[in-house]
Amino acid sequence: MDLELSEEQAAVRALAAAFTDREIVPHATAWDRAESVDRTIVRRLGEVGFLGLTIPEEYGGSGGDHLAYCLVLEELGRGDSAVRGIVSVSLGLVAKSVNAFGTEEQKRHWLPRLTSGDALGCFALTEPGTGSDAANLTTRAVRDGGHWVLDGGKTFITNGTWADVALVLARTGEPGHRGITAFLVPTDLPGFTRTEIHGKLGLRGQATAELAFDGVRVPDGARLGAVGKGFTVAMAALAKGRMSVAAGCVGIARACLDAAVRYAGEREQFGAPIASHQLVQQLLAGIAVDVEAARLLTWKVADHIERGLPFATESSTAKLFASEAAVRAANNALQVFGGYGFIDEYPVGKYLRDARVMTLYEGTSQIHQLLIGRALTGVSAF
């Protein structure tokens, strides 16, 4: 399915598809088994401009619109969602936040490094005791003259052990969302430690970490946005970040469809390719419909952003549908593969493991159902 893409958008999509087929697909299984993506992929993502999409060229970005961004994230998700996550977080959550809320000095310092791949960012919001209840975080930042002192911990932080800068949300005031402030914290500061999380079900190649802050001192110039407005920074980042996740889920579902169609044409049972069996075609048709619907919902978010329209509910809708669709697609593809889908010589088992976490992070499916319900009724269930 294609709506009318501009020449630039079509070129970006072709570049992303070629990059994915050359740099990611041949290595995805090995990275998954090793629980580590080859870190040189970060530099290559920067070289082709994927870490600078939608960031102005004056700050080292490659420009482009949010639909082009979605096209790239879909292709990266098709190849390996662990790589897609690197871009979604460092660009989608960190660099875009710096561009939107940063001072001129912060933009000049961080954006050229983030967009080139010289530096990587992580988004430090989730804590061991605060997942869905993000406004209840306990990591604290206390003012000390011209500095702030951070103490606390974060968990499940994508890019955490690789990042050069962490966008940290910390409590600086009263309980609730009004007492939270955002900081750009270099990860080489004294008192900042990180521990990689191993043994994950999916996204095994992604560097996921626990972060600890023990008296970490940052100057007031590291503050991103106004004091007490950090929750606004975080929610603005996540509203667009959910579009990134949805686009990546479209990529996973596409990969499932491609693999299942190919296998169904090759595998013979009862004297004929299983592609000729009606119930196998039903499975394939289900994946195909989910791909189309998830893509359109994701593109709608990009369109709203570009036109300056509200998009938070649309982003929740796309993320909810696309993440659940990716899980359905992977389940259906595994069913087509039968027992062969259960071993990692074939890719669909990895697709299922990677898809499953998409229904959890950046808002669980249940949280997004409540957000959509609130938008429909005007009544909050929180």
Protein backbone atom coordinates (compact mmCIF):
# COMPACT_ATOMS: atom_id res chain seq x y z
CA MET A 1 0.00 0.00 0.00
CA ASP A 2 1.28 3.45 -0.89
CA LEU A 3 -0.31 6.80 -0.54
CA GLU A 4 1.30 9.44 -2.71
CA LEU A 5 4.86 9.86 -1.44
CA SER A 6 7.01 12.78 -2.44
CA GLU A 7 10.21 12.09 -4.35
CA GLU A 8 12.20 12.81 -1.21
CA GLN A 9 10.09 10.45 0.90
CA ALA A 10 10.34 7.69 -1.68
CA ALA A 11 14.12 8.16 -1.84
CA VAL A 12 14.42 8.00 1.95
CA ARG A 13 12.35 4.81 2.02
CA ALA A 14 14.52 3.22 -0.69
CA LEU A 15 17.69 4.23 1.18
CA ALA A 16 16.35 2.76 4.42
CA ALA A 17 15.31 -0.49 2.73
CA ALA A 18 18.72 -0.92 1.12
CA PHE A 19 20.52 -0.06 4.38
CA THR A 20 18.41 -2.56 6.30
CA ASP A 21 18.98 -5.36 3.79
CA ARG A 22 22.72 -4.70 3.70
CA GLU A 23 23.64 -3.69 7.26
CA ILE A 24 21.03 -5.30 9.51
CA VAL A 25 19.20 -8.34 8.12
CA PRO A 26 22.33 -10.50 7.62
CA HIS A 27 23.37 -9.97 11.25
CA ALA A 28 20.07 -9.89 13.18
CA THR A 29 20.10 -13.54 14.27
CA ALA A 30 23.73 -13.40 15.42
CA TRP A 31 23.13 -10.17 17.34
CA ASP A 32 20.09 -11.74 19.01
CA ARG A 33 22.08 -14.81 20.05
CA ALA A 34 24.98 -12.70 21.32
CA GLU A 35 22.62 -10.30 23.12
CA SER A 36 24.48 -7.39 21.57
CA VAL A 37 24.16 -5.41 18.38
CA ASP A 38 27.48 -4.45 16.78
CA ARG A 39 28.01 -0.95 18.15
CA THR A 40 29.50 0.29 14.87
CA ILE A 41 25.92 0.33 13.55
CA VAL A 42 25.45 3.62 15.44
CA ARG A 43 28.07 5.37 13.34
CA ARG A 44 26.60 3.95 10.13
CA LEU A 45 23.11 5.11 11.12
CA GLY A 46 24.56 8.58 11.58
CA GLU A 47 26.40 8.52 8.27
CA VAL A 48 23.20 7.89 6.28
CA GLY A 49 21.33 10.58 8.21
CA PHE A 50 18.89 8.38 10.07
CA LEU A 51 19.89 9.79 13.47
CA GLY A 52 19.15 13.32 12.28
CA LEU A 53 15.71 12.97 10.68
CA THR A 54 13.41 15.96 11.39
CA ILE A 55 16.29 17.82 13.11
CA PRO A 56 17.21 21.11 11.35
CA GLU A 57 20.31 21.02 9.21
CA GLU A 58 21.79 23.98 11.13
CA TYR A 59 22.22 21.62 14.09
CA GLY A 60 23.66 18.78 12.03
CA GLY A 61 20.35 17.11 11.27
CA SER A 62 19.16 15.76 7.95
CA GLY A 63 15.77 17.50 8.05
CA GLY A 64 12.85 15.72 6.48
CA ASP A 65 9.32 15.31 7.77
CA HIS A 66 7.72 12.87 10.17
CA LEU A 67 6.36 10.61 7.46
CA ALA A 68 9.90 10.09 6.15
CA TYR A 69 10.89 9.34 9.75
CA CYS A 70 8.15 6.69 9.96
CA LEU A 71 9.27 5.13 6.69
CA VAL A 72 12.80 4.72 8.04
CA LEU A 73 11.63 3.31 11.38
CA GLU A 74 9.42 0.79 9.58
CA GLU A 75 12.35 -0.48 7.54
CA LEU A 76 14.66 -0.67 10.56
CA GLY A 77 11.93 -2.51 12.46
CA ARG A 78 11.64 -4.95 9.59
CA GLY A 79 15.35 -5.73 9.91
CA ASP A 80 15.85 -5.78 13.69
CA SER A 81 13.76 -3.89 16.21
CA ALA A 82 16.80 -3.68 18.48
CA VAL A 83 18.36 -1.32 15.93
CA ARG A 84 15.07 0.54 15.49
CA GLY A 85 15.11 1.17 19.25
CA ILE A 86 18.51 2.86 19.07
CA VAL A 87 17.07 5.46 16.68
CA SER A 88 13.69 5.75 18.39
CA VAL A 89 15.32 6.64 21.70
CA SER A 90 18.44 8.62 20.81
CA LEU A 91 16.71 10.63 18.09
CA GLY A 92 13.01 10.30 18.83
CA LEU A 93 13.08 10.84 22.60
CA VAL A 94 16.35 12.66 23.29
CA ALA A 95 17.46 14.71 20.26
CA LYS A 96 13.92 15.81 19.42
CA SER A 97 13.43 16.90 23.04
CA VAL A 98 16.64 18.92 22.93
CA ASN A 99 15.49 20.50 19.69
CA ALA A 100 12.06 21.33 21.12
CA PHE A 101 12.98 22.45 24.65
CA GLY A 102 16.71 23.11 24.69
CA THR A 103 18.57 26.38 24.90
CA GLU A 104 20.63 27.46 21.93
CA GLU A 105 23.76 26.37 23.81
CA GLN A 106 22.29 22.91 24.49
CA LYS A 107 21.28 22.50 20.85
CA ARG A 108 24.72 23.52 19.59
CA HIS A 109 26.47 21.22 22.03
CA TRP A 110 24.36 18.04 21.79
CA LEU A 111 22.50 17.90 18.49
CA PRO A 112 25.47 17.68 16.08
CA ARG A 113 26.90 14.85 18.18
CA LEU A 114 23.62 12.97 18.48
CA THR A 115 22.68 13.28 14.81
CA SER A 116 26.10 12.14 13.57
CA GLY A 117 26.30 9.13 15.87
CA ASP A 118 29.29 10.59 17.73
CA ALA A 119 27.09 10.46 20.81
CA LEU A 120 24.08 8.40 21.80
CA GLY A 121 21.25 9.39 24.09
CA CYS A 122 19.01 7.51 26.51
CA PHE A 123 15.69 8.52 28.07
CA ALA A 124 15.72 7.95 31.83
CA LEU A 125 12.13 8.01 33.08
CA THR A 126 11.14 4.52 34.27
CA GLU A 127 12.06 3.52 37.82
CA PRO A 128 11.83 0.19 39.65
CA GLY A 129 8.68 1.35 41.46
CA THR A 130 7.22 3.67 38.81
CA GLY A 131 6.37 2.32 35.39
CA SER A 132 2.89 3.33 34.25
CA ASP A 133 2.64 5.78 37.18
CA ALA A 134 5.39 7.97 35.75
CA ALA A 135 4.40 11.09 37.73
CA ASN A 136 5.24 9.27 40.96
CA LEU A 137 8.98 8.97 40.34
CA THR A 138 11.37 9.21 43.30
CA THR A 139 14.75 10.08 41.75
CA ARG A 140 15.55 13.48 43.24
CA ALA A 141 17.51 16.54 42.13
CA VAL A 142 18.34 19.04 44.90
CA ARG A 143 19.54 22.57 44.15
CA ASP A 144 23.03 23.38 45.46
CA GLY A 145 24.00 26.87 44.40
CA GLY A 146 24.50 26.85 40.66
CA HIS A 147 24.29 23.06 40.50
CA TRP A 148 21.82 20.23 41.03
CA VAL A 149 22.64 17.00 42.87
CA LEU A 150 20.89 13.85 41.61
CA ASP A 151 20.22 10.72 43.66
CA GLY A 152 18.12 7.70 42.72
CA GLY A 153 17.81 5.02 40.08
CA LYS A 154 16.19 4.13 36.77
CA THR A 155 15.51 0.82 35.06
CA PHE A 156 14.73 -0.67 31.63
CA ILE A 157 16.61 2.18 29.96
CA THR A 158 17.21 1.58 26.25
CA ASN A 159 20.75 2.59 25.14
CA GLY A 160 21.56 2.87 28.85
CA THR A 161 25.03 1.31 28.80
CA TRP A 162 25.98 2.95 25.52
CA ALA A 163 24.63 6.45 25.99
CA ASP A 164 26.84 9.51 26.30
CA VAL A 165 23.99 11.63 27.64
CA ALA A 166 20.91 10.70 29.62
CA LEU A 167 17.73 12.77 29.57
CA VAL A 168 16.86 12.27 33.23
CA LEU A 169 13.52 13.08 34.83
CA ALA A 170 13.92 13.86 38.53
CA ARG A 171 11.80 15.23 41.34
CA THR A 172 12.72 18.79 42.27
CA GLY A 173 9.54 19.81 44.10
CA GLU A 174 6.09 18.78 45.19
CA PRO A 175 4.59 15.30 44.65
CA GLY A 176 3.00 14.60 41.28
CA HIS A 177 3.80 15.77 37.79
CA ARG A 178 4.30 19.45 38.71
CA GLY A 179 7.37 18.64 40.81
CA ILE A 180 9.44 17.02 38.04
CA THR A 181 12.31 18.61 36.09
CA ALA A 182 14.31 17.32 33.11
CA PHE A 183 18.11 17.30 32.95
CA LEU A 184 20.69 16.43 30.30
CA VAL A 185 23.23 14.40 32.27
CA PRO A 186 26.56 13.28 30.73
CA THR A 187 27.05 9.64 31.62
CA ASP A 188 30.75 10.00 32.50
CA LEU A 189 30.09 12.09 35.62
CA PRO A 190 31.21 10.82 39.05
CA GLY A 191 28.45 8.95 40.83
CA PHE A 192 26.72 7.86 37.61
CA THR A 193 26.79 4.07 37.16
CA ARG A 194 24.94 1.73 34.81
CA THR A 195 24.43 -2.01 34.74
CA GLU A 196 23.30 -3.85 31.62
CA ILE A 197 20.21 -6.05 31.88
CA HIS A 198 20.69 -9.50 30.33
CA GLY A 199 18.35 -12.43 29.77
CA LYS A 200 15.57 -10.44 28.11
CA LEU A 201 12.81 -12.21 26.23
CA GLY A 202 13.14 -9.96 23.19
CA LEU A 203 15.14 -7.01 21.87
CA ARG A 204 18.10 -9.00 23.09
CA GLY A 205 20.61 -7.11 20.98
CA GLN A 206 19.58 -3.78 22.48
CA ALA A 207 21.64 -2.26 25.30
CA THR A 208 19.09 -2.07 28.13
CA ALA A 209 20.30 -0.93 31.54
CA GLU A 210 19.70 0.04 35.11
CA LEU A 211 21.06 3.50 35.97
CA ALA A 212 22.11 4.73 39.41
CA PHE A 213 22.75 8.31 40.55
CA ASP A 214 24.76 8.78 43.74
CA GLY A 215 25.37 12.47 44.30
CA VAL A 216 25.70 13.24 40.58
CA ARG A 217 26.32 16.99 40.19
CA VAL A 218 25.23 18.86 37.09
CA PRO A 219 25.21 22.62 36.46
CA ASP A 220 21.92 24.45 36.11
CA GLY A 221 22.79 24.75 32.42
CA ALA A 222 22.09 21.02 32.13
CA ARG A 223 18.43 21.61 32.98
CA LEU A 224 16.16 20.98 29.96
CA GLY A 225 13.20 23.32 30.14
CA ALA A 226 11.86 25.12 33.19
CA VAL A 227 11.96 23.86 36.76
CA GLY A 228 8.83 21.78 37.42
CA LYS A 229 8.09 21.32 33.71
CA GLY A 230 9.92 18.05 33.19
CA PHE A 231 6.73 16.02 32.94
CA THR A 232 5.70 18.21 29.99
CA VAL A 233 9.04 17.45 28.33
CA ALA A 234 8.57 13.71 28.94
CA MET A 235 4.98 13.52 27.71
CA ALA A 236 5.76 15.54 24.59
CA ALA A 237 8.63 13.16 23.82
CA LEU A 238 6.52 10.07 24.41
CA ALA A 239 3.62 11.29 22.28
CA LYS A 240 5.95 11.28 19.27
CA GLY A 241 7.88 8.28 20.56
CA ARG A 242 4.73 6.16 20.41
CA MET A 243 4.57 6.91 16.70
CA SER A 244 8.13 5.56 16.44
CA VAL A 245 7.13 2.35 18.21
CA ALA A 246 4.08 1.97 15.96
CA ALA A 247 6.21 2.41 12.83
CA GLY A 248 8.65 -0.19 14.09
CA CYS A 249 5.76 -2.57 14.77
CA VAL A 250 4.60 -2.16 11.17
CA GLY A 251 8.10 -3.26 10.21
CA ILE A 252 7.93 -6.36 12.41
CA ALA A 253 4.53 -7.29 10.96
CA ARG A 254 5.86 -6.78 7.43
CA ALA A 255 8.81 -9.02 8.16
CA CYS A 256 6.40 -11.66 9.46
CA LEU A 257 4.31 -11.43 6.31
CA ASP A 258 7.30 -11.63 3.97
CA ALA A 259 8.74 -14.64 5.81
CA ALA A 260 5.40 -16.48 6.02
CA VAL A 261 4.48 -15.95 2.37
CA ARG A 262 7.92 -17.12 1.25
CA TYR A 263 7.85 -20.20 3.46
CA ALA A 264 4.27 -21.08 2.49
CA GLY A 265 5.32 -21.12 -1.15
CA GLU A 266 8.28 -23.42 -0.45
CA ARG A 267 6.89 -25.84 2.13
CA GLU A 268 4.91 -28.79 0.78
CA GLN A 269 2.40 -30.93 2.67
CA PHE A 270 -0.23 -33.32 1.29
CA GLY A 271 1.40 -33.05 -2.13
CA ALA A 272 1.12 -29.28 -2.55
CA PRO A 273 2.66 -26.06 -1.23
CA ILE A 274 0.94 -25.07 2.00
CA ALA A 275 0.20 -21.70 0.37
CA SER A 276 -2.62 -23.51 -1.43
CA HIS A 277 -4.30 -24.48 1.85
CA GLN A 278 -7.24 -22.29 2.76
CA LEU A 279 -6.44 -21.93 6.46
CA VAL A 280 -2.84 -20.94 5.69
CA GLN A 281 -4.15 -18.25 3.36
CA GLN A 282 -6.41 -17.09 6.18
CA LEU A 283 -3.38 -16.64 8.42
CA LEU A 284 -1.52 -14.71 5.72
CA ALA A 285 -4.52 -12.51 4.99
CA GLY A 286 -4.81 -11.63 8.67
CA ILE A 287 -1.19 -10.45 8.77
CA ALA A 288 -1.60 -8.44 5.56
CA VAL A 289 -4.67 -6.60 6.84
CA ASP A 290 -2.93 -5.77 10.12
CA VAL A 291 0.09 -4.38 8.25
CA GLU A 292 -2.06 -2.08 6.14
CA ALA A 293 -4.20 -0.85 9.02
CA ALA A 294 -1.26 -0.28 11.38
CA ARG A 295 0.66 1.63 8.72
CA LEU A 296 -2.25 3.96 7.97
CA LEU A 297 -2.82 4.70 11.64
CA THR A 298 0.89 5.50 12.03
CA TRP A 299 0.98 7.73 8.98
CA LYS A 300 -2.05 9.60 10.33
CA VAL A 301 0.00 10.60 13.38
CA ALA A 302 2.82 11.88 11.15
CA ASP A 303 0.31 13.84 9.08
CA HIS A 304 -1.18 15.47 12.18
CA ILE A 305 2.27 16.46 13.44
CA GLU A 306 3.20 18.02 10.11
CA ARG A 307 -0.06 19.97 9.94
CA GLY A 308 0.21 21.21 13.51
CA LEU A 309 -2.87 19.28 14.67
CA PRO A 310 -3.32 17.55 18.03
CA PHE A 311 -1.90 14.05 17.81
CA ALA A 312 -1.61 12.53 21.30
CA THR A 313 -4.75 10.39 21.01
CA GLU A 314 -3.88 9.41 17.45
CA SER A 315 -0.43 8.37 18.66
CA SER A 316 -1.93 6.23 21.43
CA THR A 317 -4.31 4.65 18.92
CA ALA A 318 -1.52 3.83 16.48
CA LYS A 319 0.77 2.46 19.19
CA LEU A 320 -1.99 0.33 20.73
CA PHE A 321 -3.14 -1.16 17.43
CA ALA A 322 0.29 -1.60 15.83
CA SER A 323 1.88 -3.27 18.86
CA GLU A 324 -0.97 -5.73 19.26
CA ALA A 325 -1.00 -6.28 15.49
CA ALA A 326 2.72 -7.11 15.51
CA VAL A 327 2.10 -9.79 18.15
CA ARG A 328 -0.79 -11.23 16.09
CA ALA A 329 1.34 -11.17 12.96
CA ALA A 330 4.20 -12.99 14.65
CA ASN A 331 1.84 -15.59 16.13
CA ASN A 332 0.24 -16.19 12.75
CA ALA A 333 3.60 -16.39 11.00
CA LEU A 334 4.86 -18.88 13.57
CA GLN A 335 1.74 -20.98 12.94
CA VAL A 336 2.53 -21.02 9.22
CA PHE A 337 6.07 -22.21 9.97
CA GLY A 338 4.86 -24.87 12.37
CA GLY A 339 7.63 -26.54 14.35
CA TYR A 340 10.33 -24.78 12.33
CA GLY A 341 9.10 -21.46 13.68
CA PHE A 342 10.10 -22.61 17.14
CA ILE A 343 13.84 -22.61 16.46
CA ASP A 344 15.96 -19.56 15.78
CA GLU A 345 17.30 -20.85 12.48
CA TYR A 346 14.13 -19.18 11.20
CA PRO A 347 13.29 -15.56 12.07
CA VAL A 348 9.67 -15.68 13.20
CA GLY A 349 10.41 -16.72 16.78
CA LYS A 350 12.55 -13.59 17.17
CA TYR A 351 9.78 -11.48 15.65
CA LEU A 352 7.36 -12.79 18.28
CA ARG A 353 9.79 -12.14 21.14
CA ASP A 354 10.57 -8.63 19.89
CA ALA A 355 6.92 -7.79 19.24
CA ARG A 356 5.77 -8.79 22.70
CA VAL A 357 7.59 -6.00 24.52
CA MET A 358 5.99 -3.41 22.22
CA THR A 359 2.73 -3.86 24.11
CA LEU A 360 4.55 -2.94 27.34
CA TYR A 361 6.89 -0.01 26.88
CA GLU A 362 6.07 3.62 26.16
CA GLY A 363 2.70 2.88 27.72
CA THR A 364 1.16 -0.56 28.07
CA SER A 365 -1.81 -1.49 25.90
CA GLN A 366 -4.04 -1.03 28.93
CA ILE A 367 -2.73 2.47 29.61
CA HIS A 368 -3.41 3.46 26.00
CA GLN A 369 -6.92 2.08 26.20
CA LEU A 370 -7.50 4.39 29.18
CA LEU A 371 -5.97 7.36 27.36
CA ILE A 372 -8.21 6.76 24.37
CA GLY A 373 -11.19 6.27 26.68
CA ARG A 374 -10.46 9.57 28.42
CA ALA A 375 -10.31 11.35 25.08
CA LEU A 376 -13.67 9.87 24.10
CA THR A 377 -15.53 10.50 27.34
CA GLY A 378 -13.73 13.37 29.04
CA VAL A 379 -13.52 11.20 32.16
CA SER A 380 -10.17 10.04 33.53
CA ALA A 381 -9.93 6.48 34.82
CA PHE A 382 -6.55 7.13 36.43
